[in-house]
Amino acid sequence: MKKEVTTEDLLAFMQEHMVTKNDLDVRLAKAKHEILDVMDRKFADTDQNMNQRFKAVDNRFDELDFRFDTLADILEEKNVISSVEATHLRSLKPVVIK
């Protein structure tokens, strides 16, 4: 036997199981915060990785500067270039973009 469903039964069911705008807003806010937290962690990791790579590049440029200065010194000592030319060569450092 089927029980006949009344309008009151339908309204009672809807009141018990309905989702309100407030429920949706709370769930949306929670999802938004979770997404932002994940993005913050990803950006922090990326920033840390980039900083490590920039430090490594800076270290290579420091080594290159030292070698460049040493080369200018050797060329000047052997009278291959003049002291003015050696000074000019030492002023031509690699450009580091930060």
Protein backbone atom coordinates (compact mmCIF):
# COMPACT_ATOMS: atom_id res chain seq x y z
CA MET A 1 0.00 0.00 0.00
CA LYS A 2 1.26 3.37 -0.97
CA LYS A 3 0.86 6.20 1.44
CA GLU A 4 -0.48 9.30 -0.14
CA VAL A 5 1.91 12.25 0.16
CA THR A 6 0.32 15.45 1.28
CA THR A 7 1.45 19.01 0.86
CA GLU A 8 2.24 19.12 4.57
CA ASP A 9 4.51 16.08 4.17
CA LEU A 10 6.34 17.77 1.31
CA LEU A 11 6.76 21.01 3.24
CA ALA A 12 8.01 19.16 6.31
CA PHE A 13 10.54 17.22 4.20
CA MET A 14 11.73 20.42 2.49
CA GLN A 15 12.16 22.25 5.81
CA GLU A 16 14.17 19.38 7.23
CA HIS A 17 16.44 18.90 4.21
CA MET A 18 16.67 22.28 2.54
CA VAL A 19 19.95 24.14 2.12
CA THR A 20 19.88 27.80 3.00
CA LYS A 21 21.81 30.63 1.44
CA ASN A 22 23.73 30.91 4.71
CA ASP A 23 24.78 27.23 4.45
CA LEU A 24 26.07 27.84 0.92
CA ASP A 25 27.89 31.02 1.99
CA VAL A 26 29.63 29.18 4.83
CA ARG A 27 30.72 26.34 2.55
CA LEU A 28 31.88 28.76 -0.11
CA ALA A 29 33.90 30.78 2.41
CA LYS A 30 35.53 27.58 3.74
CA ALA A 31 36.44 26.44 0.21
CA LYS A 32 37.81 29.90 -0.60
CA HIS A 33 40.03 29.87 2.49
CA GLU A 34 41.31 26.38 1.69
CA ILE A 35 42.20 27.45 -1.85
CA LEU A 36 43.95 30.60 -0.61
CA ASP A 37 45.92 28.61 1.97
CA VAL A 38 47.13 26.20 -0.71
CA MET A 39 48.07 29.10 -3.01
CA ASP A 40 49.96 30.85 -0.18
CA ARG A 41 51.98 27.70 0.48
CA LYS A 42 52.72 27.28 -3.24
CA PHE A 43 53.84 30.91 -3.56
CA ALA A 44 56.02 30.61 -0.45
CA ASP A 45 57.69 27.47 -1.86
CA THR A 46 58.21 29.15 -5.24
CA ASP A 47 59.62 32.27 -3.58
CA GLN A 48 62.04 30.16 -1.54
CA ASN A 49 63.16 28.23 -4.64
CA MET A 50 63.66 31.44 -6.62
CA ASN A 51 65.68 33.02 -3.79
CA GLN A 52 67.96 29.98 -3.68
CA ARG A 53 68.48 30.15 -7.43
CA PHE A 54 69.18 33.90 -7.35
CA LYS A 55 71.75 33.34 -4.59
CA ALA A 56 73.44 30.68 -6.69
CA VAL A 57 73.52 33.03 -9.69
CA ASP A 58 74.87 35.87 -7.52
CA ASN A 59 77.63 33.57 -6.27
CA ARG A 60 78.57 32.72 -9.86
CA PHE A 61 78.70 36.42 -10.75
CA ASP A 62 80.92 37.11 -7.73
CA GLU A 63 83.29 34.38 -8.94
CA LEU A 64 83.15 35.81 -12.46
CA ASP A 65 83.94 39.31 -11.13
CA PHE A 66 86.99 37.92 -9.33
CA ARG A 67 88.22 36.11 -12.45
CA PHE A 68 87.57 39.17 -14.61
CA ASP A 69 89.57 41.42 -12.25
CA THR A 70 92.37 38.85 -12.10
CA LEU A 71 92.49 38.64 -15.90
CA ALA A 72 92.72 42.44 -16.18
CA ASP A 73 95.53 42.42 -13.57
CA ILE A 74 97.49 39.74 -15.42
CA LEU A 75 97.12 41.49 -18.79
CA GLU A 76 98.27 44.76 -17.21
CA GLU A 77 101.25 43.12 -15.47
CA LYS A 78 102.40 41.52 -18.74
CA ASN A 79 102.09 44.89 -20.51
CA VAL A 80 99.48 43.54 -22.89
CA ILE A 81 97.14 46.37 -21.97
CA SER A 82 97.73 49.75 -20.37
CA SER A 83 96.61 50.65 -16.84
CA VAL A 84 93.86 52.84 -18.33
CA GLU A 85 92.60 49.89 -20.37
CA ALA A 86 92.82 47.60 -17.32
CA THR A 87 90.80 50.08 -15.27
CA HIS A 88 88.25 50.26 -18.05
CA LEU A 89 88.03 46.44 -18.21
CA ARG A 90 87.51 46.23 -14.43
CA SER A 91 84.58 48.66 -14.74
CA LEU A 92 82.84 46.35 -17.24
CA LYS A 93 81.14 44.08 -14.71
CA PRO A 94 78.38 41.67 -15.64
CA VAL A 95 74.94 43.18 -15.11
CA VAL A 96 72.86 41.41 -12.49
CA ILE A 97 69.12 42.00 -12.85
CA LYS A 98 67.28 41.68 -9.55
